[in-house]
């Protein structure tokens, strides 16, 4: 069993969540979600995410395009110990490629 260390939420907020860059990124993600809702692609509580074709962590923008994915598929990317995106290929996609 892996020992989980306790998260310091106050420190996380001070270092990242409260930063101006993060607030701007959150606003951009919310704008894309609202646009998809107006177009009828997603609705509140449907379990879908509006994903960027190129991850914002990797320099993607709203103008690069988006797609609707299930939340589990959109959130299953490998990350490093700091939570940064390592690979845009999900675990599910890597397994599928290895079987072929």
C-alpha atoms as a PDB file:
ATOM      1  CA  UNK A   1       0.000   0.000   0.000  1.00  0.00           C
ATOM      2  CA  UNK A   2       1.289   3.445  -0.889  1.00  0.00           C
ATOM      3  CA  UNK A   3       1.445   5.967   1.914  1.00  0.00           C
ATOM      4  CA  UNK A   4      -0.329   9.144   0.940  1.00  0.00           C
ATOM      5  CA  UNK A   5       1.054  12.356   2.313  1.00  0.00           C
ATOM      6  CA  UNK A   6      -1.395  14.981   3.459  1.00  0.00           C
ATOM      7  CA  UNK A   7      -1.988  17.829   1.041  1.00  0.00           C
ATOM      8  CA  UNK A   8      -1.302  21.358   2.183  1.00  0.00           C
ATOM      9  CA  UNK A   9      -4.276  23.089   0.566  1.00  0.00           C
ATOM     10  CA  UNK A  10      -3.313  26.533   1.841  1.00  0.00           C
ATOM     11  CA  UNK A  11       0.123  26.238   0.254  1.00  0.00           C
ATOM     12  CA  UNK A  12      -1.386  24.925  -3.013  1.00  0.00           C
ATOM     13  CA  UNK A  13      -3.723  27.886  -3.218  1.00  0.00           C
ATOM     14  CA  UNK A  14      -0.978  30.394  -2.513  1.00  0.00           C
ATOM     15  CA  UNK A  15       1.410  28.832  -5.029  1.00  0.00           C
ATOM     16  CA  UNK A  16      -0.953  28.085  -7.893  1.00  0.00           C
ATOM     17  CA  UNK A  17      -4.702  28.367  -7.541  1.00  0.00           C
ATOM     18  CA  UNK A  18      -4.637  31.980  -6.463  1.00  0.00           C
ATOM     19  CA  UNK A  19      -2.257  33.087  -9.223  1.00  0.00           C
ATOM     20  CA  UNK A  20      -3.426  35.424 -11.973  1.00  0.00           C
ATOM     21  CA  UNK A  21      -2.353  32.960 -14.679  1.00  0.00           C
ATOM     22  CA  UNK A  22      -4.491  30.193 -13.184  1.00  0.00           C
ATOM     23  CA  UNK A  23      -7.497  32.512 -12.824  1.00  0.00           C
ATOM     24  CA  UNK A  24      -7.217  33.466 -16.504  1.00  0.00           C
ATOM     25  CA  UNK A  25      -6.951  29.805 -17.562  1.00  0.00           C
ATOM     26  CA  UNK A  26     -10.007  28.898 -15.492  1.00  0.00           C
ATOM     27  CA  UNK A  27     -11.957  31.735 -17.125  1.00  0.00           C
ATOM     28  CA  UNK A  28     -10.924  30.475 -20.584  1.00  0.00           C
ATOM     29  CA  UNK A  29     -12.026  26.909 -19.765  1.00  0.00           C
ATOM     30  CA  UNK A  30     -15.350  28.188 -18.424  1.00  0.00           C
ATOM     31  CA  UNK A  31     -15.908  30.254 -21.593  1.00  0.00           C
ATOM     32  CA  UNK A  32     -15.364  27.189 -23.792  1.00  0.00           C
ATOM     33  CA  UNK A  33     -17.768  25.159 -21.658  1.00  0.00           C
ATOM     34  CA  UNK A  34     -20.473  27.873 -21.897  1.00  0.00           C
ATOM     35  CA  UNK A  35     -20.054  28.020 -25.681  1.00  0.00           C
ATOM     36  CA  UNK A  36     -20.453  24.226 -25.960  1.00  0.00           C
ATOM     37  CA  UNK A  37     -23.573  24.403 -23.762  1.00  0.00           C
ATOM     38  CA  UNK A  38     -25.114  27.081 -26.022  1.00  0.00           C
ATOM     39  CA  UNK A  39     -24.384  24.894 -29.060  1.00  0.00           C
ATOM     40  CA  UNK A  40     -26.075  21.919 -27.380  1.00  0.00           C
ATOM     41  CA  UNK A  41     -22.938  19.748 -27.306  1.00  0.00           C
ATOM     42  CA  UNK A  42     -22.943  19.347 -23.506  1.00  0.00           C
ATOM     43  CA  UNK A  43     -25.294  19.979 -20.636  1.00  0.00           C
ATOM     44  CA  UNK A  44     -24.867  20.383 -16.911  1.00  0.00           C
ATOM     45  CA  UNK A  45     -24.416  17.072 -15.110  1.00  0.00           C
ATOM     46  CA  UNK A  46     -24.007  14.934 -18.234  1.00  0.00           C
ATOM     47  CA  UNK A  47     -20.555  13.669 -17.175  1.00  0.00           C
ATOM     48  CA  UNK A  48     -18.776  15.183 -20.165  1.00  0.00           C
ATOM     49  CA  UNK A  49     -15.860  17.585 -20.314  1.00  0.00           C
ATOM     50  CA  UNK A  50     -14.972  20.034 -23.041  1.00  0.00           C
ATOM     51  CA  UNK A  51     -11.357  19.109 -23.786  1.00  0.00           C
ATOM     52  CA  UNK A  52      -8.814  21.146 -25.658  1.00  0.00           C
ATOM     53  CA  UNK A  53      -7.265  19.357 -28.640  1.00  0.00           C
ATOM     54  CA  UNK A  54      -3.882  20.621 -27.453  1.00  0.00           C
ATOM     55  CA  UNK A  55      -3.725  20.720 -23.662  1.00  0.00           C
ATOM     56  CA  UNK A  56      -3.469  24.179 -22.119  1.00  0.00           C
ATOM     57  CA  UNK A  57      -0.578  22.835 -20.005  1.00  0.00           C
ATOM     58  CA  UNK A  58       1.253  22.185 -23.268  1.00  0.00           C
ATOM     59  CA  UNK A  59       0.594  25.643 -24.720  1.00  0.00           C
ATOM     60  CA  UNK A  60      -2.844  25.058 -26.238  1.00  0.00           C
ATOM     61  CA  UNK A  61      -5.396  27.821 -26.678  1.00  0.00           C
ATOM     62  CA  UNK A  62      -9.153  28.014 -27.093  1.00  0.00           C
ATOM     63  CA  UNK A  63      -8.614  28.851 -30.770  1.00  0.00           C
ATOM     64  CA  UNK A  64      -6.776  25.527 -31.293  1.00  0.00           C
ATOM     65  CA  UNK A  65     -10.087  23.707 -31.022  1.00  0.00           C
ATOM     66  CA  UNK A  66     -11.990  21.651 -28.518  1.00  0.00           C
ATOM     67  CA  UNK A  67     -13.872  18.370 -28.375  1.00  0.00           C
ATOM     68  CA  UNK A  68     -16.374  16.767 -26.002  1.00  0.00           C
ATOM     69  CA  UNK A  69     -15.052  13.802 -24.035  1.00  0.00           C
ATOM     70  CA  UNK A  70     -16.182  11.843 -21.019  1.00  0.00           C
ATOM     71  CA  UNK A  71     -14.704  13.152 -17.791  1.00  0.00           C
ATOM     72  CA  UNK A  72     -12.813   9.906 -17.153  1.00  0.00           C
ATOM     73  CA  UNK A  73     -11.153  10.012 -20.569  1.00  0.00           C
ATOM     74  CA  UNK A  74     -10.235  13.699 -20.316  1.00  0.00           C
ATOM     75  CA  UNK A  75      -8.732  13.397 -16.830  1.00  0.00           C
ATOM     76  CA  UNK A  76      -6.671  10.233 -17.238  1.00  0.00           C
ATOM     77  CA  UNK A  77      -3.393  11.736 -18.447  1.00  0.00           C
ATOM     78  CA  UNK A  78      -0.054  10.960 -16.845  1.00  0.00           C
ATOM     79  CA  UNK A  79       1.230  13.676 -14.541  1.00  0.00           C
ATOM     80  CA  UNK A  80       4.465  14.209 -12.641  1.00  0.00           C
ATOM     81  CA  UNK A  81       4.782  14.617  -8.870  1.00  0.00           C
ATOM     82  CA  UNK A  82       3.953  18.329  -9.174  1.00  0.00           C
ATOM     83  CA  UNK A  83       0.767  17.633 -11.123  1.00  0.00           C
ATOM     84  CA  UNK A  84       2.106  18.832 -14.476  1.00  0.00           C
ATOM     85  CA  UNK A  85       0.979  17.051 -17.613  1.00  0.00           C
ATOM     86  CA  UNK A  86       3.541  14.500 -18.813  1.00  0.00           C
ATOM     87  CA  UNK A  87       1.729  12.859 -21.703  1.00  0.00           C
ATOM     88  CA  UNK A  88      -1.366  13.788 -23.695  1.00  0.00           C
ATOM     89  CA  UNK A  89      -1.948  10.099 -24.406  1.00  0.00           C
ATOM     90  CA  UNK A  90      -4.246   8.594 -21.804  1.00  0.00           C
ATOM     91  CA  UNK A  91      -3.586   5.285 -20.081  1.00  0.00           C
ATOM     92  CA  UNK A  92      -6.518   3.764 -21.969  1.00  0.00           C
ATOM     93  CA  UNK A  93      -5.076   4.861 -25.337  1.00  0.00           C
ATOM     94  CA  UNK A  94      -1.604   3.527 -24.470  1.00  0.00           C
ATOM     95  CA  UNK A  95      -3.081   0.120 -23.581  1.00  0.00           C
ATOM     96  CA  UNK A  96      -5.074   0.062 -26.825  1.00  0.00           C
ATOM     97  CA  UNK A  97      -1.926   0.815 -28.884  1.00  0.00           C
ATOM     98  CA  UNK A  98       0.107  -1.883 -27.151  1.00  0.00           C
ATOM     99  CA  UNK A  99      -2.516  -4.547 -27.989  1.00  0.00           C
ATOM    100  CA  UNK A 100      -2.425  -3.746 -31.695  1.00  0.00           C
END
